[in-house]
Amino acid sequence: MKEHKKDSRLLRILALLAMMVLLFSSVGCEYVFGLGTGTDAPESGGEDIPGSADETTAPTPETTEPGVTEDPSGNITSAPEETTRAPETNEQGQIITYIDPLTGLRQLYDSSSVRPVSLVYDNVSVAAPQSGISKSDILIEMMVEGGISRLVGITNDYVGADGEPTLDVFGPIRSTRPYMISLSQAFDSLMVGGGGSPQAYETIKNLGLQYVDGVNDRYAMQGFYRDVERYKNDGWEHSLMVHGKGIAKIAEFNNYPLTAQTSNAFNFIEEGKSMYLSGGSATHVILKYSLYQQVQLVYSSQTGTYYRYQHGDVPHLDAENGEQLNFRNVLILFAQTNNIEGDAEGRLNVQTTGTGEGYYISDGRYVPIRWSRASDTSELSITGMSGEQLTINRGKTFISVVNSSLKGTSSIELNFKIGN
């Protein structure tokens, strides 16, 4: 009988221990969800960690996506969906709308006090389709070393209609370059990236700029995380992600303000009107940046926008909603581009200050333009060839920064026809 009582007591103790293990496992999962995946690693080649040794082994990610965790029974559960508030109305019951300063379009909430962010997107083929990239109100494409391009997506849409940061995902995020930092400052935005070249960090320091850095910021893993599937399929350097709440968390830790009185990004035309561009037809734009990266922008008269294809003829989609990127406005800016002398990685210098020429394209037509910027923190001035300020249509804008050596060559075509 005594032996039986001992066995029963032992079984109860073992059961209690098992329950404690499950409890601590549950707490651990929530902890991982809140903090991300652990220590980050530099991009391939380690060029983005000035003064530190290269990491050759990446830790195994522990979480897949924000808002998803695992309970002790092994079930996958999602965080509660965010709620949206009803549109504001005036005394007559009419819905109140506001102008988005980045697009000039009407929307149901006021974003004029939201500080835009400039997200540096990975743009090699394995990184596509990117997440959240269709939220870019202004998308800038710039070349980096190796004949590839990176995209800087400028948006205020990381904050919801209720004024709070969202769980909407952005990425993969990659490292920044000094000319990306420079041009993003034309739109009073906060740069969000994952590391940077030595020249980029020098620019940030010299200009006294704020940078939400997913690699070298000591708070990086409080907001950034590694996507498991991207890590498994595409590699460590193509898996860094962030969401609106993560951006806000790191900004708060660093005392970076996310509110600002944002002025209109461009000189938008009066509502209800459209610009007629006298330069000629531009219904199928071809941008041959390099042997690796070729972009097509195909005009749709049904939507009045240009649909983006890249890496030849691949539709450029958003992984989150399947939407193909499309823009009302296209700005091609020719900029002097050359290799940085003595840089072992073959990095580029792209001149984003001073003056240059280019094209403004919208509604199936184009007009030659001039662009200018006085400094790395100046606004972007766009004028006609005779110097008058350019008025552009309301809507999303794609800015292509192209090596000035390609001007007048077959690498840039504004009215390409398949079969020609």
Protein backbone atom coordinates (compact mmCIF):
# COMPACT_ATOMS: atom_id res chain seq x y z
CA MET A 1 0.00 0.00 0.00
CA LYS A 2 2.86 2.36 0.89
CA GLU A 3 4.52 1.62 -2.45
CA HIS A 4 1.24 2.42 -4.23
CA LYS A 5 0.99 5.80 -2.41
CA LYS A 6 4.59 6.61 -3.34
CA ASP A 7 3.87 5.82 -6.98
CA SER A 8 0.78 8.04 -6.96
CA ARG A 9 2.70 10.90 -5.35
CA LEU A 10 5.50 10.51 -7.90
CA LEU A 11 3.02 10.58 -10.77
CA ARG A 12 1.46 13.79 -9.42
CA ILE A 13 4.91 15.41 -9.13
CA LEU A 14 5.80 14.41 -12.70
CA ALA A 15 2.47 15.77 -13.97
CA LEU A 16 3.11 19.06 -12.16
CA LEU A 17 6.59 19.32 -13.68
CA ALA A 18 5.17 18.67 -17.14
CA MET A 19 2.62 21.46 -16.69
CA MET A 20 5.41 23.84 -15.58
CA VAL A 21 7.44 22.98 -18.71
CA LEU A 22 4.45 23.73 -20.93
CA LEU A 23 3.85 27.00 -19.09
CA PHE A 24 7.43 28.18 -19.55
CA SER A 25 7.35 27.10 -23.21
CA SER A 26 4.28 29.26 -23.74
CA VAL A 27 5.95 32.26 -22.11
CA GLY A 28 9.04 31.70 -24.23
CA CYS A 29 7.05 31.78 -27.48
CA GLU A 30 5.43 35.07 -26.54
CA TYR A 31 8.85 36.46 -25.65
CA VAL A 32 10.27 35.51 -29.04
CA PHE A 33 7.28 37.09 -30.80
CA GLY A 34 7.85 40.35 -28.98
CA LEU A 35 11.59 40.63 -29.58
CA GLY A 36 12.19 39.17 -33.03
CA THR A 37 14.74 36.48 -33.78
CA GLY A 38 17.98 37.39 -32.07
CA THR A 39 21.27 38.89 -33.20
CA ASP A 40 21.43 40.06 -36.79
CA ALA A 41 24.13 39.32 -39.33
CA PRO A 42 25.81 41.56 -41.89
CA GLU A 43 24.91 41.39 -45.53
CA SER A 44 26.93 39.12 -47.77
CA GLY A 45 30.56 40.16 -47.75
CA GLY A 46 30.09 41.90 -44.39
CA GLU A 47 30.40 45.32 -45.99
CA ASP A 48 27.64 46.82 -43.88
CA ILE A 49 29.33 46.43 -40.48
CA PRO A 50 32.15 49.00 -40.38
CA GLY A 51 34.84 48.01 -37.93
CA SER A 52 33.44 44.58 -37.01
CA ALA A 53 34.34 41.04 -37.99
CA ASP A 54 32.28 39.21 -40.60
CA GLU A 55 29.75 36.67 -39.37
CA THR A 56 29.80 33.47 -41.37
CA THR A 57 27.12 31.51 -39.52
CA ALA A 58 23.62 32.90 -39.18
CA PRO A 59 21.45 31.87 -36.23
CA THR A 60 18.32 29.88 -36.97
CA PRO A 61 15.23 32.10 -37.05
CA GLU A 62 12.60 31.35 -34.42
CA THR A 63 9.53 33.15 -35.77
CA THR A 64 7.79 33.44 -39.09
CA GLU A 65 5.88 36.67 -39.13
CA PRO A 66 4.61 39.37 -36.80
CA GLY A 67 1.23 38.63 -35.27
CA VAL A 68 1.76 34.85 -35.32
CA THR A 69 2.79 32.74 -32.33
CA GLU A 70 2.60 29.12 -31.25
CA ASP A 71 0.71 27.85 -28.21
CA PRO A 72 1.95 24.88 -26.08
CA SER A 73 -0.22 22.43 -28.01
CA GLY A 74 1.56 23.29 -31.25
CA ASN A 75 -1.32 25.22 -32.80
CA ILE A 76 -0.55 28.36 -34.81
CA THR A 77 -2.63 31.34 -33.77
CA SER A 78 -2.84 34.86 -35.17
CA ALA A 79 -2.82 38.09 -33.22
CA PRO A 80 -6.15 39.95 -33.15
CA GLU A 81 -6.86 41.80 -36.37
CA GLU A 82 -6.60 45.55 -36.22
CA THR A 83 -9.86 47.43 -36.27
CA THR A 84 -10.57 50.42 -38.47
CA ARG A 85 -12.59 53.39 -37.37
CA ALA A 86 -15.58 54.74 -39.21
CA PRO A 87 -15.00 57.72 -41.56
CA GLU A 88 -15.39 61.17 -40.04
CA THR A 89 -18.46 63.16 -41.02
CA ASN A 90 -19.44 66.82 -40.73
CA GLU A 91 -22.65 68.24 -39.28
CA GLN A 92 -24.47 67.54 -42.55
CA GLY A 93 -23.43 63.87 -42.44
CA GLN A 94 -20.98 64.24 -45.35
CA ILE A 95 -17.77 62.20 -45.17
CA ILE A 96 -14.69 64.33 -44.45
CA THR A 97 -11.66 63.64 -46.66
CA TYR A 98 -8.04 64.76 -46.50
CA ILE A 99 -5.22 65.25 -49.00
CA ASP A 100 -2.35 62.76 -48.85
CA PRO A 101 0.78 64.96 -49.13
CA LEU A 102 2.72 62.22 -50.95
CA THR A 103 0.17 61.60 -53.72
CA GLY A 104 -2.14 64.62 -53.67
CA LEU A 105 -5.10 62.22 -53.59
CA ARG A 106 -8.07 62.34 -51.25
CA GLN A 107 -8.28 59.81 -48.42
CA LEU A 108 -10.42 59.19 -45.32
CA TYR A 109 -7.82 60.08 -42.69
CA ASP A 110 -5.35 62.89 -42.13
CA SER A 111 -1.72 61.83 -42.70
CA SER A 112 -0.28 65.34 -43.00
CA SER A 113 1.34 65.01 -39.55
CA VAL A 114 2.75 61.50 -40.14
CA ARG A 115 6.48 61.47 -40.84
CA PRO A 116 7.05 59.43 -44.01
CA VAL A 117 9.50 56.53 -43.94
CA SER A 118 11.89 55.53 -46.73
CA LEU A 119 12.23 51.73 -46.76
CA VAL A 120 15.23 50.24 -48.58
CA TYR A 121 13.96 47.14 -50.42
CA ASP A 122 16.05 44.23 -51.60
CA ASN A 123 15.46 43.94 -55.36
CA VAL A 124 17.36 40.90 -56.63
CA SER A 125 15.12 38.32 -58.28
CA VAL A 126 15.02 35.95 -55.28
CA ALA A 127 13.72 38.78 -53.07
CA ALA A 128 10.69 39.38 -55.28
CA PRO A 129 7.85 39.63 -54.72
CA GLN A 130 8.51 41.99 -51.83
CA SER A 131 6.06 42.56 -48.99
CA GLY A 132 4.34 45.90 -48.52
CA ILE A 133 5.98 47.50 -51.53
CA SER A 134 2.62 48.44 -53.11
CA LYS A 135 2.14 50.85 -50.20
CA SER A 136 4.94 53.01 -51.64
CA ASP A 137 3.46 56.38 -52.60
CA ILE A 138 6.83 57.28 -54.11
CA LEU A 139 9.15 54.50 -55.30
CA ILE A 140 12.76 55.31 -56.20
CA GLU A 141 14.98 52.90 -58.11
CA MET A 142 18.75 53.33 -57.89
CA MET A 143 21.65 51.13 -58.96
CA VAL A 144 24.14 49.57 -56.57
CA GLU A 145 27.28 47.52 -57.16
CA GLY A 146 27.08 44.36 -59.27
CA GLY A 147 24.59 45.70 -61.83
CA ILE A 148 21.61 45.29 -59.51
CA SER A 149 19.17 47.91 -58.26
CA ARG A 150 17.59 48.69 -54.92
CA LEU A 151 14.26 50.32 -54.32
CA VAL A 152 13.44 53.02 -51.81
CA GLY A 153 9.74 53.02 -51.00
CA ILE A 154 8.47 56.23 -49.40
CA THR A 155 5.18 55.91 -47.55
CA ASN A 156 3.15 57.18 -44.61
CA ASP A 157 1.02 54.03 -44.76
CA TYR A 158 2.81 52.31 -41.88
CA VAL A 159 0.32 54.20 -39.68
CA GLY A 160 -3.36 53.30 -39.79
CA ALA A 161 -6.49 55.43 -39.94
CA ASP A 162 -6.56 55.47 -36.13
CA GLY A 163 -3.13 57.12 -36.05
CA GLU A 164 -1.43 54.03 -34.63
CA PRO A 165 1.39 52.03 -36.32
CA THR A 166 0.17 48.85 -38.00
CA LEU A 167 1.32 45.24 -38.26
CA ASP A 168 1.58 45.54 -42.05
CA VAL A 169 4.82 43.88 -43.17
CA PHE A 170 7.61 45.45 -45.26
CA GLY A 171 10.64 43.71 -46.77
CA PRO A 172 13.02 42.17 -47.43
CA ILE A 173 14.98 45.17 -46.17
CA ARG A 174 18.58 45.73 -47.31
CA SER A 175 21.39 48.16 -46.69
CA THR A 176 21.38 51.78 -47.70
CA ARG A 177 23.80 53.89 -49.75
CA PRO A 178 24.67 57.60 -49.39
CA TYR A 179 22.78 58.65 -52.51
CA MET A 180 19.65 56.84 -51.31
CA ILE A 181 19.88 58.74 -48.04
CA SER A 182 20.39 61.99 -49.94
CA LEU A 183 17.40 61.67 -52.26
CA SER A 184 15.07 60.40 -49.53
CA GLN A 185 15.76 63.61 -47.59
CA ALA A 186 14.06 65.55 -50.39
CA PHE A 187 10.80 64.15 -48.96
CA ASP A 188 11.56 64.77 -45.25
CA SER A 189 11.46 61.04 -44.54
CA LEU A 190 13.00 58.73 -41.94
CA MET A 191 15.29 56.13 -43.54
CA VAL A 192 14.60 52.48 -42.66
CA GLY A 193 17.17 49.92 -43.80
CA GLY A 194 19.36 47.02 -42.77
CA GLY A 195 22.94 48.20 -42.47
CA GLY A 196 24.78 50.38 -44.93
CA SER A 197 28.00 50.96 -46.78
CA PRO A 198 30.81 52.82 -44.95
CA GLN A 199 29.99 55.87 -47.09
CA ALA A 200 26.34 55.67 -46.01
CA TYR A 201 27.19 55.70 -42.32
CA GLU A 202 29.56 58.59 -42.92
CA THR A 203 26.76 60.53 -44.64
CA ILE A 204 24.35 59.82 -41.77
CA LYS A 205 26.94 61.03 -39.24
CA ASN A 206 27.98 64.12 -41.19
CA LEU A 207 24.39 65.23 -41.81
CA GLY A 208 23.24 64.33 -38.30
CA LEU A 209 20.41 62.18 -39.66
CA GLN A 210 18.25 59.58 -37.92
CA TYR A 211 18.27 56.00 -39.21
CA VAL A 212 16.12 53.01 -38.21
CA ASP A 213 18.77 50.34 -38.77
CA GLY A 214 17.85 46.66 -38.74
CA VAL A 215 21.46 45.52 -38.46
CA ASN A 216 23.61 47.86 -36.37
CA ASP A 217 21.08 49.59 -34.15
CA ARG A 218 21.33 48.13 -30.64
CA TYR A 219 17.54 47.91 -30.58
CA ALA A 220 17.28 46.31 -34.05
CA MET A 221 15.72 43.03 -32.98
CA GLN A 222 13.08 44.85 -30.97
CA GLY A 223 11.39 45.64 -34.27
CA PHE A 224 13.01 43.72 -37.15
CA TYR A 225 12.83 39.96 -37.62
CA ARG A 226 13.81 37.23 -40.07
CA ASP A 227 11.15 35.61 -42.20
CA VAL A 228 11.60 31.84 -41.90
CA GLU A 229 10.47 30.92 -45.42
CA ARG A 230 12.56 33.61 -47.07
CA TYR A 231 15.53 32.54 -44.97
CA LYS A 232 15.13 28.89 -45.95
CA ASN A 233 14.49 29.53 -49.64
CA ASP A 234 16.46 32.69 -50.42
CA GLY A 235 19.16 33.03 -47.78
CA TRP A 236 19.83 35.03 -44.63
CA GLU A 237 20.60 38.32 -46.37
CA HIS A 238 17.22 38.26 -48.19
CA SER A 239 15.02 37.67 -45.12
CA LEU A 240 15.07 40.84 -42.98
CA MET A 241 11.54 42.19 -42.40
CA VAL A 242 9.85 44.90 -40.38
CA HIS A 243 6.31 46.13 -39.72
CA GLY A 244 4.86 49.48 -38.73
CA LYS A 245 4.83 48.73 -35.02
CA GLY A 246 8.45 47.59 -35.23
CA ILE A 247 9.49 50.84 -36.91
CA ALA A 248 7.67 52.80 -34.22
CA LYS A 249 9.24 50.78 -31.41
CA ILE A 250 12.82 51.39 -32.59
CA ALA A 251 12.05 55.04 -33.29
CA GLU A 252 10.73 55.40 -29.75
CA PHE A 253 13.83 53.77 -28.21
CA ASN A 254 16.04 56.19 -30.16
CA ASN A 255 13.82 59.24 -29.56
CA TYR A 256 13.16 59.62 -33.29
CA PRO A 257 9.93 61.56 -33.86
CA LEU A 258 7.31 59.99 -36.13
CA THR A 259 5.24 63.15 -36.38
CA ALA A 260 6.03 66.04 -38.69
CA GLN A 261 4.11 68.61 -40.64
CA THR A 262 4.53 67.16 -44.12
CA SER A 263 4.22 69.44 -47.14
CA ASN A 264 3.16 68.24 -50.59
CA ALA A 265 5.85 66.10 -52.19
CA PHE A 266 5.32 67.71 -55.61
CA ASN A 267 3.61 70.65 -57.23
CA PHE A 268 0.35 68.82 -57.88
CA ILE A 269 -2.16 69.97 -60.46
CA GLU A 270 -5.52 71.31 -59.34
CA GLU A 271 -7.97 68.58 -58.35
CA GLY A 272 -10.11 67.29 -61.19
CA LYS A 273 -7.64 68.35 -63.89
CA SER A 274 -4.88 66.53 -65.80
CA MET A 275 -1.63 67.64 -67.36
CA TYR A 276 -1.21 67.40 -71.12
CA LEU A 277 2.43 66.66 -71.94
CA SER A 278 3.52 68.01 -75.30
CA GLY A 279 6.69 65.99 -75.78
CA GLY A 280 5.09 62.99 -77.46
CA SER A 281 3.77 59.49 -76.81
CA ALA A 282 5.13 57.38 -73.98
CA THR A 283 2.99 54.27 -73.66
CA HIS A 284 5.67 51.62 -73.13
CA VAL A 285 8.80 52.74 -71.29
CA ILE A 286 11.95 50.58 -71.33
CA LEU A 287 14.73 51.16 -68.79
CA LYS A 288 17.79 48.98 -69.39
CA TYR A 289 19.83 49.76 -66.29
CA SER A 290 22.23 46.85 -66.79
CA LEU A 291 22.42 43.35 -68.22
CA TYR A 292 20.78 42.10 -65.02
CA GLN A 293 18.09 44.72 -64.41
CA GLN A 294 15.68 45.81 -67.12
CA VAL A 295 12.39 47.49 -66.30
CA GLN A 296 9.25 48.00 -68.37
CA LEU A 297 6.44 50.44 -67.57
CA VAL A 298 3.33 49.73 -69.62
CA TYR A 299 0.54 52.31 -69.73
CA SER A 300 -3.06 51.27 -69.21
CA SER A 301 -5.66 53.71 -70.50
CA GLN A 302 -8.26 51.96 -68.32
CA THR A 303 -6.53 52.83 -65.03
CA GLY A 304 -4.46 55.79 -66.27
CA THR A 305 -1.35 54.27 -64.67
CA TYR A 306 1.90 52.57 -65.69
CA TYR A 307 2.27 48.93 -64.65
CA ARG A 308 5.77 47.87 -63.67
CA TYR A 309 7.62 44.80 -64.95
CA GLN A 310 11.22 44.02 -64.05
CA HIS A 311 14.03 41.51 -64.59
CA GLY A 312 12.88 41.45 -68.20
CA ASP A 313 9.13 40.95 -68.36
CA VAL A 314 8.16 39.73 -64.87
CA PRO A 315 5.17 41.59 -63.38
CA HIS A 316 6.32 43.35 -60.22
CA LEU A 317 3.90 42.21 -57.51
CA ASP A 318 3.40 42.70 -53.79
CA ALA A 319 3.65 39.42 -51.88
CA GLU A 320 1.05 40.54 -49.35
CA ASN A 321 -1.84 41.41 -51.67
CA GLY A 322 -0.80 40.26 -55.15
CA GLU A 323 -1.14 43.80 -56.50
CA GLN A 324 1.06 44.75 -59.46
CA LEU A 325 2.92 47.99 -58.85
CA ASN A 326 1.51 50.83 -60.93
CA PHE A 327 2.01 54.59 -60.99
CA ARG A 328 0.30 57.69 -62.34
CA ASN A 329 3.61 59.51 -62.68
CA VAL A 330 7.05 58.44 -63.86
CA LEU A 331 10.12 60.64 -63.42
CA ILE A 332 13.37 59.64 -65.14
CA LEU A 333 16.32 61.53 -63.67
CA PHE A 334 19.68 61.31 -65.40
CA ALA A 335 22.47 61.46 -62.81
CA GLN A 336 26.24 61.22 -63.12
CA THR A 337 27.24 57.75 -61.93
CA ASN A 338 30.70 56.29 -61.43
CA ASN A 339 32.56 53.71 -59.38
CA ILE A 340 34.04 54.90 -56.09
CA GLU A 341 37.79 54.98 -56.59
CA GLY A 342 39.58 52.38 -54.50
CA ASP A 343 36.40 50.69 -53.25
CA ALA A 344 37.06 46.95 -53.20
CA GLU A 345 33.36 46.10 -53.53
CA GLY A 346 32.88 48.22 -56.65
CA ARG A 347 30.36 50.52 -54.99
CA LEU A 348 28.92 53.45 -56.90
CA ASN A 349 28.69 57.16 -56.43
CA VAL A 350 25.45 58.61 -57.79
CA GLN A 351 25.24 62.40 -57.93
CA THR A 352 21.86 63.38 -56.47
CA THR A 353 22.69 67.06 -55.93
CA GLY A 354 23.39 69.76 -58.47
CA THR A 355 21.45 69.70 -61.73
CA GLY A 356 20.48 67.25 -64.42
CA GLU A 357 17.96 66.46 -67.12
CA GLY A 358 15.28 63.84 -67.50
CA TYR A 359 11.70 63.11 -68.48
CA TYR A 360 8.30 63.43 -66.86
CA ILE A 361 5.86 60.75 -68.07
CA SER A 362 2.12 60.54 -67.36
CA ASP A 363 -1.13 59.66 -69.10
CA GLY A 364 0.69 58.01 -72.01
CA ARG A 365 2.84 61.05 -72.86
CA TYR A 366 6.13 62.67 -71.86
CA VAL A 367 7.92 65.99 -71.63
CA PRO A 368 11.67 66.73 -71.11
CA ILE A 369 12.53 68.21 -67.72
CA ARG A 370 15.36 69.55 -65.60
CA TRP A 371 15.94 68.57 -61.96
CA SER A 372 18.03 70.28 -59.30
CA ARG A 373 18.96 70.03 -55.62
CA ALA A 374 21.19 72.44 -53.72
CA SER A 375 22.34 69.94 -51.05
CA ASP A 376 21.75 66.46 -49.61
CA THR A 377 18.91 67.79 -47.47
CA SER A 378 17.26 70.02 -50.11
CA GLU A 379 13.93 69.41 -51.78
CA LEU A 380 13.80 68.08 -55.33
CA SER A 381 13.03 70.82 -57.83
CA ILE A 382 11.51 69.78 -61.16
CA THR A 383 11.13 72.32 -63.95
CA GLY A 384 10.41 72.42 -67.64
CA MET A 385 13.32 72.94 -70.02
CA SER A 386 12.75 76.71 -69.97
CA GLY A 387 12.86 76.85 -66.16
CA GLU A 388 9.16 77.02 -65.18
CA GLN A 389 8.14 74.85 -62.20
CA LEU A 390 6.63 71.58 -63.35
CA THR A 391 3.10 70.68 -62.32
CA ILE A 392 2.41 66.95 -62.10
CA ASN A 393 -0.70 64.81 -61.91
CA ARG A 394 -2.06 63.52 -58.62
CA GLY A 395 -1.22 59.92 -57.84
CA LYS A 396 1.66 57.62 -57.01
CA THR A 397 5.07 58.41 -58.50
CA PHE A 398 7.93 56.19 -59.67
CA ILE A 399 11.36 57.86 -59.82
CA SER A 400 14.03 56.15 -61.92
CA VAL A 401 17.57 57.45 -61.31
CA VAL A 402 19.55 56.51 -64.42
CA ASN A 403 23.23 56.82 -65.30
CA SER A 404 23.52 59.98 -67.39
CA SER A 405 25.67 58.04 -69.88
CA LEU A 406 22.50 56.18 -70.99
CA LYS A 407 20.76 59.34 -72.14
CA GLY A 408 20.06 59.26 -75.87
CA THR A 409 20.84 55.55 -76.17
CA SER A 410 18.62 52.58 -76.91
CA SER A 411 18.79 51.69 -73.20
CA ILE A 412 16.03 54.25 -72.57
CA GLU A 413 12.91 54.05 -74.75
CA LEU A 414 9.70 55.93 -74.04
CA ASN A 415 7.37 54.47 -76.67
CA PHE A 416 8.64 50.96 -77.27
CA LYS A 417 6.42 48.67 -79.31
CA ILE A 418 6.72 44.90 -79.02
CA GLY A 419 7.78 43.49 -82.37
CA ASN A 420 9.67 46.57 -83.57
